[in-house]
Amino acid sequence: MIRKASIMKVYREHHEEYRRRHDELWPEMEQMLKEHGMLSYSIFLDTDTDTLFAYLEIEDEELWAKSADTETCRKWWDYMQDIMETNPDHSPVSQELKEVFHLEK
């Protein structure tokens, strides 16, 4: 299992809309994530800074990287681009974080 973390930004006035859209995650998006090796995915919001912290557990980096090229992922990016910081292709502006500590039971 591979742990990944990143940060993104959601526009302050859209915190609730961001939550609503994820509460109503498309079934095809969930299926695509699972097909590309997602084991667990959590997103947390710092309401003071509008920063989203995403934590993801995946099976394989190469398989996961292919998820960005799917039609479902591209449609999701288009759907989300009006409520968060995005790149010209509508992918979220995201900064991958480097793991510096991990502890398990």
PDB file of N, CA and C in Angstrom:
ATOM      1  N   MET A   1       0.841  -1.165   0.000  1.00  0.00           N
ATOM      2  CA  MET A   1       0.000   0.000   0.000  1.00  0.00           C
ATOM      3  C   MET A   1       0.895   1.240   0.000  1.00  0.00           C
ATOM      4  N   ILE A   2       0.510   2.215  -0.796  1.00  0.00           N
ATOM      5  CA  ILE A   2       1.252   3.468  -0.933  1.00  0.00           C
ATOM      6  C   ILE A   2       0.383   4.600  -0.385  1.00  0.00           C
ATOM      7  N   ARG A   3       0.953   5.421   0.479  1.00  0.00           N
ATOM      8  CA  ARG A   3       0.257   6.582   1.035  1.00  0.00           C
ATOM      9  C   ARG A   3       0.655   7.823   0.244  1.00  0.00           C
ATOM     10  N   LYS A   4      -0.343   8.641  -0.093  1.00  0.00           N
ATOM     11  CA  LYS A   4      -0.095   9.893  -0.812  1.00  0.00           C
ATOM     12  C   LYS A   4      -0.867  10.998  -0.103  1.00  0.00           C
ATOM     13  N   ALA A   5      -0.315  12.198  -0.136  1.00  0.00           N
ATOM     14  CA  ALA A   5      -1.010  13.349   0.431  1.00  0.00           C
ATOM     15  C   ALA A   5      -0.730  14.560  -0.448  1.00  0.00           C
ATOM     16  N   SER A   6      -1.708  15.447  -0.519  1.00  0.00           N
ATOM     17  CA  SER A   6      -1.549  16.676  -1.295  1.00  0.00           C
ATOM     18  C   SER A   6      -2.449  17.752  -0.709  1.00  0.00           C
ATOM     19  N   ILE A   7      -2.180  18.974  -1.120  1.00  0.00           N
ATOM     20  CA  ILE A   7      -3.033  20.087  -0.730  1.00  0.00           C
ATOM     21  C   ILE A   7      -3.555  20.785  -1.984  1.00  0.00           C
ATOM     22  N   MET A   8      -4.772  21.321  -1.846  1.00  0.00           N
ATOM     23  CA  MET A   8      -5.448  22.055  -2.911  1.00  0.00           C
ATOM     24  C   MET A   8      -6.173  23.217  -2.247  1.00  0.00           C
ATOM     25  N   LYS A   9      -6.814  24.056  -3.044  1.00  0.00           N
ATOM     26  CA  LYS A   9      -7.568  25.188  -2.508  1.00  0.00           C
ATOM     27  C   LYS A   9      -8.985  25.182  -3.059  1.00  0.00           C
ATOM     28  N   VAL A  10      -9.939  25.425  -2.167  1.00  0.00           N
ATOM     29  CA  VAL A  10     -11.331  25.622  -2.554  1.00  0.00           C
ATOM     30  C   VAL A  10     -11.669  27.079  -2.259  1.00  0.00           C
ATOM     31  N   TYR A  11     -12.470  27.691  -3.113  1.00  0.00           N
ATOM     32  CA  TYR A  11     -12.848  29.085  -2.885  1.00  0.00           C
ATOM     33  C   TYR A  11     -13.725  29.195  -1.641  1.00  0.00           C
ATOM     34  N   ARG A  12     -13.436  30.190  -0.823  1.00  0.00           N
ATOM     35  CA  ARG A  12     -14.088  30.359   0.478  1.00  0.00           C
ATOM     36  C   ARG A  12     -15.609  30.277   0.388  1.00  0.00           C
ATOM     37  N   GLU A  13     -16.186  30.903  -0.608  1.00  0.00           N
ATOM     38  CA  GLU A  13     -17.647  30.934  -0.708  1.00  0.00           C
ATOM     39  C   GLU A  13     -18.238  29.596  -1.176  1.00  0.00           C
ATOM     40  N   HIS A  14     -17.373  28.619  -1.444  1.00  0.00           N
ATOM     41  CA  HIS A  14     -17.852  27.343  -1.967  1.00  0.00           C
ATOM     42  C   HIS A  14     -17.526  26.141  -1.081  1.00  0.00           C
ATOM     43  N   HIS A  15     -17.210  26.384   0.176  1.00  0.00           N
ATOM     44  CA  HIS A  15     -16.912  25.264   1.077  1.00  0.00           C
ATOM     45  C   HIS A  15     -18.061  24.259   1.113  1.00  0.00           C
ATOM     46  N   GLU A  16     -19.275  24.739   1.298  1.00  0.00           N
ATOM     47  CA  GLU A  16     -20.423  23.830   1.401  1.00  0.00           C
ATOM     48  C   GLU A  16     -20.725  23.146   0.078  1.00  0.00           C
ATOM     49  N   GLU A  17     -20.557  23.861  -1.018  1.00  0.00           N
ATOM     50  CA  GLU A  17     -20.792  23.257  -2.327  1.00  0.00           C
ATOM     51  C   GLU A  17     -19.771  22.147  -2.593  1.00  0.00           C
ATOM     52  N   TYR A  18     -18.527  22.375  -2.189  1.00  0.00           N
ATOM     53  CA  TYR A  18     -17.491  21.344  -2.343  1.00  0.00           C
ATOM     54  C   TYR A  18     -17.903  20.081  -1.582  1.00  0.00           C
ATOM     55  N   ARG A  19     -18.355  20.262  -0.352  1.00  0.00           N
ATOM     56  CA  ARG A  19     -18.809  19.121   0.449  1.00  0.00           C
ATOM     57  C   ARG A  19     -20.002  18.434  -0.216  1.00  0.00           C
ATOM     58  N   ARG A  20     -20.971  19.221  -0.668  1.00  0.00           N
ATOM     59  CA  ARG A  20     -22.172  18.655  -1.286  1.00  0.00           C
ATOM     60  C   ARG A  20     -21.813  17.807  -2.502  1.00  0.00           C
ATOM     61  N   ARG A  21     -20.931  18.324  -3.350  1.00  0.00           N
ATOM     62  CA  ARG A  21     -20.569  17.568  -4.551  1.00  0.00           C
ATOM     63  C   ARG A  21     -19.877  16.262  -4.202  1.00  0.00           C
ATOM     64  N   HIS A  22     -19.107  16.231  -3.144  1.00  0.00           N
ATOM     65  CA  HIS A  22     -18.451  14.985  -2.744  1.00  0.00           C
ATOM     66  C   HIS A  22     -19.419  14.054  -2.015  1.00  0.00           C
ATOM     67  N   ASP A  23     -20.387  14.620  -1.307  1.00  0.00           N
ATOM     68  CA  ASP A  23     -21.423  13.783  -0.689  1.00  0.00           C
ATOM     69  C   ASP A  23     -22.243  13.065  -1.753  1.00  0.00           C
ATOM     70  N   GLU A  24     -22.326  13.674  -2.930  1.00  0.00           N
ATOM     71  CA  GLU A  24     -23.093  13.115  -4.048  1.00  0.00           C
ATOM     72  C   GLU A  24     -22.152  12.609  -5.145  1.00  0.00           C
ATOM     73  N   LEU A  25     -21.020  12.051  -4.754  1.00  0.00           N
ATOM     74  CA  LEU A  25     -20.022  11.563  -5.703  1.00  0.00           C
ATOM     75  C   LEU A  25     -20.668  10.642  -6.729  1.00  0.00           C
ATOM     76  N   TRP A  26     -20.360  10.890  -7.985  1.00  0.00           N
ATOM     77  CA  TRP A  26     -20.918  10.069  -9.051  1.00  0.00           C
ATOM     78  C   TRP A  26     -20.482   8.616  -8.879  1.00  0.00           C
ATOM     79  N   PRO A  27     -21.391   7.677  -9.076  1.00  0.00           N
ATOM     80  CA  PRO A  27     -21.013   6.257  -8.988  1.00  0.00           C
ATOM     81  C   PRO A  27     -19.880   5.897  -9.950  1.00  0.00           C
ATOM     82  N   GLU A  28     -19.895   6.488 -11.153  1.00  0.00           N
ATOM     83  CA  GLU A  28     -18.834   6.173 -12.113  1.00  0.00           C
ATOM     84  C   GLU A  28     -17.472   6.725 -11.676  1.00  0.00           C
ATOM     85  N   MET A  29     -17.484   7.813 -10.888  1.00  0.00           N
ATOM     86  CA  MET A  29     -16.233   8.345 -10.356  1.00  0.00           C
ATOM     87  C   MET A  29     -15.688   7.398  -9.283  1.00  0.00           C
ATOM     88  N   GLU A  30     -16.549   6.960  -8.393  1.00  0.00           N
ATOM     89  CA  GLU A  30     -16.126   6.007  -7.367  1.00  0.00           C
ATOM     90  C   GLU A  30     -15.576   4.734  -8.001  1.00  0.00           C
ATOM     91  N   GLN A  31     -16.260   4.229  -9.015  1.00  0.00           N
ATOM     92  CA  GLN A  31     -15.821   3.017  -9.698  1.00  0.00           C
ATOM     93  C   GLN A  31     -14.466   3.221 -10.367  1.00  0.00           C
ATOM     94  N   MET A  32     -14.282   4.366 -11.030  1.00  0.00           N
ATOM     95  CA  MET A  32     -13.012   4.647 -11.698  1.00  0.00           C
ATOM     96  C   MET A  32     -11.868   4.702 -10.688  1.00  0.00           C
ATOM     97  N   LEU A  33     -12.103   5.352  -9.544  1.00  0.00           N
ATOM     98  CA  LEU A  33     -11.065   5.435  -8.517  1.00  0.00           C
ATOM     99  C   LEU A  33     -10.664   4.041  -8.035  1.00  0.00           C
ATOM    100  N   LYS A  34     -11.641   3.206  -7.789  1.00  0.00           N
ATOM    101  CA  LYS A  34     -11.363   1.836  -7.337  1.00  0.00           C
ATOM    102  C   LYS A  34     -10.627   1.037  -8.412  1.00  0.00           C
ATOM    103  N   GLU A  35     -11.043   1.194  -9.667  1.00  0.00           N
ATOM    104  CA  GLU A  35     -10.396   0.473 -10.762  1.00  0.00           C
ATOM    105  C   GLU A  35      -8.936   0.896 -10.945  1.00  0.00           C
ATOM    106  N   HIS A  36      -8.596   2.089 -10.466  1.00  0.00           N
ATOM    107  CA  HIS A  36      -7.227   2.583 -10.597  1.00  0.00           C
ATOM    108  C   HIS A  36      -6.439   2.454  -9.290  1.00  0.00           C
ATOM    109  N   GLY A  37      -6.903   1.552  -8.433  1.00  0.00           N
ATOM    110  CA  GLY A  37      -6.116   1.157  -7.276  1.00  0.00           C
ATOM    111  C   GLY A  37      -6.322   1.941  -6.000  1.00  0.00           C
ATOM    112  N   MET A  38      -7.378   2.756  -5.919  1.00  0.00           N
ATOM    113  CA  MET A  38      -7.648   3.483  -4.689  1.00  0.00           C
ATOM    114  C   MET A  38      -8.140   2.529  -3.617  1.00  0.00           C
ATOM    115  N   LEU A  39      -7.501   2.568  -2.467  1.00  0.00           N
ATOM    116  CA  LEU A  39      -7.930   1.766  -1.329  1.00  0.00           C
ATOM    117  C   LEU A  39      -8.700   2.616  -0.324  1.00  0.00           C
ATOM    118  N   SER A  40      -8.302   3.867  -0.194  1.00  0.00           N
ATOM    119  CA  SER A  40      -8.917   4.790   0.755  1.00  0.00           C
ATOM    120  C   SER A  40      -8.618   6.207   0.290  1.00  0.00           C
ATOM    121  N   TYR A  41      -9.602   7.107   0.472  1.00  0.00           N
ATOM    122  CA  TYR A  41      -9.420   8.495   0.040  1.00  0.00           C
ATOM    123  C   TYR A  41     -10.173   9.390   1.011  1.00  0.00           C
ATOM    124  N   SER A  42      -9.460  10.317   1.637  1.00  0.00           N
ATOM    125  CA  SER A  42     -10.071  11.283   2.549  1.00  0.00           C
ATOM    126  C   SER A  42      -9.629  12.683   2.159  1.00  0.00           C
ATOM    127  N   ILE A  43     -10.536  13.636   2.299  1.00  0.00           N
ATOM    128  CA  ILE A  43     -10.205  15.039   2.067  1.00  0.00           C
ATOM    129  C   ILE A  43     -10.676  15.830   3.277  1.00  0.00           C
ATOM    130  N   PHE A  44      -9.792  16.664   3.804  1.00  0.00           N
ATOM    131  CA  PHE A  44     -10.082  17.507   4.959  1.00  0.00           C
ATOM    132  C   PHE A  44      -9.990  18.959   4.543  1.00  0.00           C
ATOM    133  N   LEU A  45     -10.775  19.822   5.183  1.00  0.00           N
ATOM    134  CA  LEU A  45     -10.796  21.252   4.868  1.00  0.00           C
ATOM    135  C   LEU A  45     -10.355  22.070   6.064  1.00  0.00           C
ATOM    136  N   ASP A  46      -9.384  22.953   5.848  1.00  0.00           N
ATOM    137  CA  ASP A  46      -9.010  23.970   6.827  1.00  0.00           C
ATOM    138  C   ASP A  46      -9.798  25.220   6.449  1.00  0.00           C
ATOM    139  N   THR A  47     -10.856  25.505   7.186  1.00  0.00           N
ATOM    140  CA  THR A  47     -11.747  26.623   6.840  1.00  0.00           C
ATOM    141  C   THR A  47     -11.086  27.981   7.023  1.00  0.00           C
ATOM    142  N   ASP A  48     -10.016  28.070   7.803  1.00  0.00           N
ATOM    143  CA  ASP A  48      -9.316  29.345   7.976  1.00  0.00           C
ATOM    144  C   ASP A  48      -8.502  29.722   6.747  1.00  0.00           C
ATOM    145  N   THR A  49      -7.986  28.730   6.039  1.00  0.00           N
ATOM    146  CA  THR A  49      -7.102  29.001   4.901  1.00  0.00           C
ATOM    147  C   THR A  49      -7.678  28.539   3.564  1.00  0.00           C
ATOM    148  N   ASP A  50      -8.840  27.883   3.579  1.00  0.00           N
ATOM    149  CA  ASP A  50      -9.472  27.320   2.371  1.00  0.00           C
ATOM    150  C   ASP A  50      -8.640  26.190   1.766  1.00  0.00           C
ATOM    151  N   THR A  51      -7.755  25.617   2.557  1.00  0.00           N
ATOM    152  CA  THR A  51      -6.879  24.554   2.092  1.00  0.00           C
ATOM    153  C   THR A  51      -7.542  23.197   2.276  1.00  0.00           C
ATOM    154  N   LEU A  52      -7.496  22.410   1.220  1.00  0.00           N
ATOM    155  CA  LEU A  52      -7.947  21.030   1.259  1.00  0.00           C
ATOM    156  C   LEU A  52      -6.719  20.146   1.424  1.00  0.00           C
ATOM    157  N   PHE A  53      -6.787  19.218   2.351  1.00  0.00           N
ATOM    158  CA  PHE A  53      -5.728  18.240   2.555  1.00  0.00           C
ATOM    159  C   PHE A  53      -6.282  16.890   2.122  1.00  0.00           C
ATOM    160  N   ALA A  54      -5.696  16.310   1.103  1.00  0.00           N
ATOM    161  CA  ALA A  54      -6.161  15.025   0.588  1.00  0.00           C
ATOM    162  C   ALA A  54      -5.186  13.938   1.016  1.00  0.00           C
ATOM    163  N   TYR A  55      -5.727  12.849   1.549  1.00  0.00           N
ATOM    164  CA  TYR A  55      -4.934  11.685   1.935  1.00  0.00           C
ATOM    165  C   TYR A  55      -5.486  10.479   1.187  1.00  0.00           C
ATOM    166  N   LEU A  56      -4.603   9.764   0.546  1.00  0.00           N
ATOM    167  CA  LEU A  56      -4.995   8.691  -0.347  1.00  0.00           C
ATOM    168  C   LEU A  56      -4.103   7.479  -0.123  1.00  0.00           C
ATOM    169  N   GLU A  57      -4.711   6.307  -0.141  1.00  0.00           N
ATOM    170  CA  GLU A  57      -3.964   5.064  -0.121  1.00  0.00           C
ATOM    171  C   GLU A  57      -4.256   4.345  -1.427  1.00  0.00           C
ATOM    172  N   ILE A  58      -3.180   3.948  -2.122  1.00  0.00           N
ATOM    173  CA  ILE A  58      -3.326   3.305  -3.423  1.00  0.00           C
ATOM    174  C   ILE A  58      -2.507   2.021  -3.468  1.00  0.00           C
ATOM    175  N   GLU A  59      -2.774   1.219  -4.494  1.00  0.00           N
ATOM    176  CA  GLU A  59      -2.055  -0.033  -4.686  1.00  0.00           C
ATOM    177  C   GLU A  59      -0.788   0.143  -5.509  1.00  0.00           C
ATOM    178  N   ASP A  60      -0.846   1.036  -6.525  1.00  0.00           N
ATOM    179  CA  ASP A  60       0.225   1.096  -7.512  1.00  0.00           C
ATOM    180  C   ASP A  60       0.290   2.512  -8.112  1.00  0.00           C
ATOM    181  N   GLU A  61       1.464   3.114  -8.102  1.00  0.00           N
ATOM    182  CA  GLU A  61       1.635   4.478  -8.629  1.00  0.00           C
ATOM    183  C   GLU A  61       1.323   4.562 -10.123  1.00  0.00           C
ATOM    184  N   GLU A  62       1.806   3.598 -10.889  1.00  0.00           N
ATOM    185  CA  GLU A  62       1.612   3.626 -12.336  1.00  0.00           C
ATOM    186  C   GLU A  62       0.134   3.517 -12.699  1.00  0.00           C
ATOM    187  N   LEU A  63      -0.569   2.609 -12.053  1.00  0.00           N
ATOM    188  CA  LEU A  63      -2.006   2.457 -12.293  1.00  0.00           C
ATOM    189  C   LEU A  63      -2.747   3.720 -11.877  1.00  0.00           C
ATOM    190  N   TRP A  64      -2.392   4.277 -10.726  1.00  0.00           N
ATOM    191  CA  TRP A  64      -3.050   5.485 -10.246  1.00  0.00           C
ATOM    192  C   TRP A  64      -2.852   6.653 -11.210  1.00  0.00           C
ATOM    193  N   ALA A  65      -1.658   6.794 -11.744  1.00  0.00           N
ATOM    194  CA  ALA A  65      -1.360   7.892 -12.667  1.00  0.00           C
ATOM    195  C   ALA A  65      -2.273   7.860 -13.889  1.00  0.00           C
ATOM    196  N   LYS A  66      -2.705   6.680 -14.293  1.00  0.00           N
ATOM    197  CA  LYS A  66      -3.579   6.547 -15.457  1.00  0.00           C
ATOM    198  C   LYS A  66      -4.988   7.076 -15.198  1.00  0.00           C
ATOM    199  N   SER A  67      -5.377   7.230 -13.949  1.00  0.00           N
ATOM    200  CA  SER A  67      -6.728   7.716 -13.638  1.00  0.00           C
ATOM    201  C   SER A  67      -6.961   9.118 -14.198  1.00  0.00           C
ATOM    202  N   ALA A  68      -5.924   9.935 -14.245  1.00  0.00           N
ATOM    203  CA  ALA A  68      -6.066  11.310 -14.743  1.00  0.00           C
ATOM    204  C   ALA A  68      -6.409  11.366 -16.226  1.00  0.00           C
ATOM    205  N   ASP A  69      -6.169  10.287 -16.942  1.00  0.00           N
ATOM    206  CA  ASP A  69      -6.445  10.254 -18.378  1.00  0.00           C
ATOM    207  C   ASP A  69      -7.816   9.691 -18.715  1.00  0.00           C
ATOM    208  N   THR A  70      -8.613   9.379 -17.704  1.00  0.00           N
ATOM    209  CA  THR A  70      -9.933   8.809 -17.982  1.00  0.00           C
ATOM    210  C   THR A  70     -10.952   9.909 -18.281  1.00  0.00           C
ATOM    211  N   GLU A  71     -11.944   9.558 -19.064  1.00  0.00           N
ATOM    212  CA  GLU A  71     -13.015  10.495 -19.379  1.00  0.00           C
ATOM    213  C   GLU A  71     -13.756  10.918 -18.109  1.00  0.00           C
ATOM    214  N   THR A  72     -13.954   9.986 -17.186  1.00  0.00           N
ATOM    215  CA  THR A  72     -14.661  10.290 -15.936  1.00  0.00           C
ATOM    216  C   THR A  72     -13.896  11.326 -15.126  1.00  0.00           C
ATOM    217  N   CYS A  73     -12.601  11.158 -15.012  1.00  0.00           N
ATOM    218  CA  CYS A  73     -11.796  12.117 -14.254  1.00  0.00           C
ATOM    219  C   CYS A  73     -11.855  13.497 -14.898  1.00  0.00           C
ATOM    220  N   ARG A  74     -11.728  13.551 -16.211  1.00  0.00           N
ATOM    221  CA  ARG A  74     -11.774  14.841 -16.927  1.00  0.00           C
ATOM    222  C   ARG A  74     -13.125  15.529 -16.735  1.00  0.00           C
ATOM    223  N   LYS A  75     -14.201  14.744 -16.771  1.00  0.00           N
ATOM    224  CA  LYS A  75     -15.534  15.317 -16.532  1.00  0.00           C
ATOM    225  C   LYS A  75     -15.635  15.851 -15.104  1.00  0.00           C
ATOM    226  N   TRP A  76     -15.058  15.139 -14.115  1.00  0.00           N
ATOM    227  CA  TRP A  76     -15.081  15.592 -12.725  1.00  0.00           C
ATOM    228  C   TRP A  76     -14.320  16.904 -12.578  1.00  0.00           C
ATOM    229  N   TRP A  77     -13.156  16.983 -13.206  1.00  0.00           N
ATOM    230  CA  TRP A  77     -12.382  18.227 -13.155  1.00  0.00           C
ATOM    231  C   TRP A  77     -13.193  19.387 -13.724  1.00  0.00           C
ATOM    232  N   ASP A  78     -13.858  19.173 -14.862  1.00  0.00           N
ATOM    233  CA  ASP A  78     -14.699  20.223 -15.447  1.00  0.00           C
ATOM    234  C   ASP A  78     -15.798  20.635 -14.477  1.00  0.00           C
ATOM    235  N   TYR A  79     -16.381  19.662 -13.813  1.00  0.00           N
ATOM    236  CA  TYR A  79     -17.471  19.893 -12.856  1.00  0.00           C
ATOM    237  C   TYR A  79     -16.996  20.703 -11.652  1.00  0.00           C
ATOM    238  N   MET A  80     -15.761  20.486 -11.227  1.00  0.00           N
ATOM    239  CA  MET A  80     -15.250  21.129 -10.012  1.00  0.00           C
ATOM    240  C   MET A  80     -14.533  22.454 -10.257  1.00  0.00           C
ATOM    241  N   GLN A  81     -14.198  22.771 -11.485  1.00  0.00           N
ATOM    242  CA  GLN A  81     -13.333  23.912 -11.767  1.00  0.00           C
ATOM    243  C   GLN A  81     -13.902  25.263 -11.339  1.00  0.00           C
ATOM    244  N   ASP A  82     -15.206  25.379 -11.181  1.00  0.00           N
ATOM    245  CA  ASP A  82     -15.787  26.676 -10.801  1.00  0.00           C
ATOM    246  C   ASP A  82     -15.725  26.941  -9.297  1.00  0.00           C
ATOM    247  N   ILE A  83     -15.335  25.938  -8.494  1.00  0.00           N
ATOM    248  CA  ILE A  83     -15.352  26.145  -7.044  1.00  0.00           C
ATOM    249  C   ILE A  83     -13.983  25.991  -6.386  1.00  0.00           C
ATOM    250  N   MET A  84     -12.945  25.744  -7.205  1.00  0.00           N
ATOM    251  CA  MET A  84     -11.606  25.576  -6.626  1.00  0.00           C
ATOM    252  C   MET A  84     -10.540  26.062  -7.601  1.00  0.00           C
ATOM    253  N   GLU A  85      -9.336  26.234  -7.085  1.00  0.00           N
ATOM    254  CA  GLU A  85      -8.224  26.638  -7.937  1.00  0.00           C
ATOM    255  C   GLU A  85      -7.882  25.494  -8.878  1.00  0.00           C
ATOM    256  N   THR A  86      -7.817  25.820 -10.190  1.00  0.00           N
ATOM    257  CA  THR A  86      -7.537  24.787 -11.181  1.00  0.00           C
ATOM    258  C   THR A  86      -6.506  25.271 -12.191  1.00  0.00           C
ATOM    259  N   ASN A  87      -5.927  24.304 -12.871  1.00  0.00           N
ATOM    260  CA  ASN A  87      -5.005  24.557 -13.972  1.00  0.00           C
ATOM    261  C   ASN A  87      -5.800  24.791 -15.253  1.00  0.00           C
ATOM    262  N   PRO A  88      -5.137  25.212 -16.335  1.00  0.00           N
ATOM    263  CA  PRO A  88      -5.857  25.435 -17.598  1.00  0.00           C
ATOM    264  C   PRO A  88      -6.653  24.228 -18.097  1.00  0.00           C
ATOM    265  N   ASP A  89      -6.218  22.997 -17.775  1.00  0.00           N
ATOM    266  CA  ASP A  89      -6.963  21.808 -18.200  1.00  0.00           C
ATOM    267  C   ASP A  89      -8.065  21.427 -17.205  1.00  0.00           C
ATOM    268  N   HIS A  90      -8.293  22.287 -16.218  1.00  0.00           N
ATOM    269  CA  HIS A  90      -9.295  22.139 -15.160  1.00  0.00           C
ATOM    270  C   HIS A  90      -8.900  21.159 -14.068  1.00  0.00           C
ATOM    271  N   SER A  91      -7.731  20.558 -14.153  1.00  0.00           N
ATOM    272  CA  SER A  91      -7.253  19.728 -13.049  1.00  0.00           C
ATOM    273  C   SER A  91      -7.003  20.637 -11.851  1.00  0.00           C
ATOM    274  N   PRO A  92      -7.178  20.135 -10.644  1.00  0.00           N
ATOM    275  CA  PRO A  92      -6.947  20.983  -9.473  1.00  0.00           C
ATOM    276  C   PRO A  92      -5.481  21.382  -9.356  1.00  0.00           C
ATOM    277  N   VAL A  93      -5.255  22.619  -8.968  1.00  0.00           N
ATOM    278  CA  VAL A  93      -3.908  23.009  -8.593  1.00  0.00           C
ATOM    279  C   VAL A  93      -3.607  22.239  -7.324  1.00  0.00           C
ATOM    280  N   SER A  94      -2.588  21.410  -7.379  1.00  0.00           N
ATOM    281  CA  SER A  94      -2.318  20.489  -6.287  1.00  0.00           C
ATOM    282  C   SER A  94      -0.826  20.429  -6.015  1.00  0.00           C
ATOM    283  N   GLN A  95      -0.498  20.420  -4.747  1.00  0.00           N
ATOM    284  CA  GLN A  95       0.896  20.273  -4.349  1.00  0.00           C
ATOM    285  C   GLN A  95       1.027  18.958  -3.595  1.00  0.00           C
ATOM    286  N   GLU A  96       1.813  18.049  -4.155  1.00  0.00           N
ATOM    287  CA  GLU A  96       2.026  16.770  -3.486  1.00  0.00           C
ATOM    288  C   GLU A  96       2.927  16.994  -2.275  1.00  0.00           C
ATOM    289  N   LEU A  97       2.602  16.330  -1.187  1.00  0.00           N
ATOM    290  CA  LEU A  97       3.366  16.452   0.047  1.00  0.00           C
ATOM    291  C   LEU A  97       4.268  15.234   0.218  1.00  0.00           C
ATOM    292  N   LYS A  98       5.419  15.466   0.801  1.00  0.00           N
ATOM    293  CA  LYS A  98       6.379  14.400   1.043  1.00  0.00           C
ATOM    294  C   LYS A  98       6.155  13.863   2.463  1.00  0.00           C
ATOM    295  N   GLU A  99       6.022  12.554   2.564  1.00  0.00           N
ATOM    296  CA  GLU A  99       5.848  11.941   3.878  1.00  0.00           C
ATOM    297  C   GLU A  99       7.163  12.032   4.654  1.00  0.00           C
ATOM    298  N   VAL A 100       7.067  12.520   5.881  1.00  0.00           N
ATOM    299  CA  VAL A 100       8.266  12.621   6.720  1.00  0.00           C
ATOM    300  C   VAL A 100       8.158  11.792   7.999  1.00  0.00           C
ATOM    301  N   PHE A 101       6.959  11.263   8.273  1.00  0.00           N
ATOM    302  CA  PHE A 101       6.784  10.441   9.467  1.00  0.00           C
ATOM    303  C   PHE A 101       5.550   9.581   9.298  1.00  0.00           C
ATOM    304  N   HIS A 102       5.636   8.349   9.781  1.00  0.00           N
ATOM    305  CA  HIS A 102       4.487   7.437   9.781  1.00  0.00           C
ATOM    306  C   HIS A 102       4.661   6.469  10.950  1.00  0.00           C
ATOM    307  N   LEU A 103       3.563   6.202  11.645  1.00  0.00           N
ATOM    308  CA  LEU A 103       3.580   5.290  12.784  1.00  0.00           C
ATOM    309  C   LEU A 103       2.324   4.435  12.712  1.00  0.00           C
ATOM    310  N   GLU A 104       2.486   3.164  12.890  1.00  0.00           N
ATOM    311  CA  GLU A 104       1.344   2.254  12.935  1.00  0.00           C
ATOM    312  C   GLU A 104       1.375   1.472  14.230  1.00  0.00           C
ATOM    313  N   LYS A 105       0.245   0.934  14.570  1.00  0.00           N
ATOM    314  CA  LYS A 105       0.080   0.114  15.765  1.00  0.00           C
ATOM    315  C   LYS A 105       0.959  -1.105  15.706  1.00  0.00           C
TER     316      LYS A 105
END
